[in-house]
């Protein structure tokens, strides 16, 4: 399932929730990491990102 978020340059970004390996708060919002060193920073706060990802088909947060 894809989750729609907003990148720091205000472009809508679709995230494949199944590929997320790590999320962390940063000054600009939240950094979402994927395998192979790929990442994207979005403006939504960490709590909102966790909520959106956990509502997808894939359970990412216990």
Protein backbone atom coordinates (compact mmCIF):
# COMPACT_ATOMS: atom_id res chain seq x y z
CA UNK A 1 0.00 0.00 0.00
CA UNK A 2 1.19 3.50 -0.80
CA UNK A 3 0.96 6.39 1.65
CA UNK A 4 0.80 10.00 0.42
CA UNK A 5 3.07 12.50 2.19
CA UNK A 6 4.65 15.87 1.33
CA UNK A 7 8.39 16.16 0.72
CA UNK A 8 10.35 19.16 2.03
CA UNK A 9 10.19 20.82 -1.40
CA UNK A 10 6.36 20.67 -1.12
CA UNK A 11 5.98 17.95 -3.76
CA UNK A 12 3.51 15.16 -3.03
CA UNK A 13 5.38 11.89 -2.45
CA UNK A 14 3.97 8.36 -2.47
CA UNK A 15 5.71 5.97 -0.08
CA UNK A 16 5.49 2.19 -0.43
CA UNK A 17 4.86 1.29 3.21
CA UNK A 18 6.18 -2.24 2.71
CA UNK A 19 9.68 -0.90 1.93
CA UNK A 20 10.12 1.39 4.95
CA UNK A 21 12.95 0.20 7.20
CA UNK A 22 13.41 3.15 9.59
CA UNK A 23 11.86 6.53 10.38
CA UNK A 24 13.36 9.32 12.47
CA UNK A 25 12.59 12.93 13.36
CA UNK A 26 14.76 15.61 11.73
CA UNK A 27 14.72 19.41 11.78
CA UNK A 28 12.64 19.65 8.60
CA UNK A 29 10.10 16.95 9.55
CA UNK A 30 10.60 13.18 9.34
CA UNK A 31 13.17 11.13 7.45
CA UNK A 32 11.89 7.85 6.02
CA UNK A 33 14.56 5.30 5.12
CA UNK A 34 14.32 2.40 2.72
CA UNK A 35 16.76 -0.37 1.87
CA UNK A 36 20.00 0.30 -0.01
CA UNK A 37 20.63 3.71 1.56
CA UNK A 38 17.60 5.43 0.02
CA UNK A 39 15.61 7.96 2.03
CA UNK A 40 13.14 10.83 1.72
CA UNK A 41 12.44 13.67 4.13
CA UNK A 42 8.81 14.75 4.52
CA UNK A 43 7.31 17.74 6.33
CA UNK A 44 4.81 15.72 8.38
CA UNK A 45 5.82 15.16 12.02
CA UNK A 46 6.96 11.71 13.14
CA UNK A 47 3.68 10.88 14.91
CA UNK A 48 1.64 11.60 11.76
CA UNK A 49 3.97 9.49 9.60
CA UNK A 50 3.72 6.58 12.05
CA UNK A 51 -0.07 6.89 12.07
CA UNK A 52 -0.34 6.92 8.27
CA UNK A 53 2.07 4.02 7.83
CA UNK A 54 0.42 1.92 10.53
CA UNK A 55 -3.01 2.39 8.89
CA UNK A 56 -1.70 0.88 5.65
CA UNK A 57 -2.06 -2.83 4.86
CA UNK A 58 1.34 -3.56 6.38
CA UNK A 59 1.76 -3.35 10.13
CA UNK A 60 4.98 -1.41 10.73
CA UNK A 61 4.56 -0.35 14.35
CA UNK A 62 3.83 -2.60 17.32
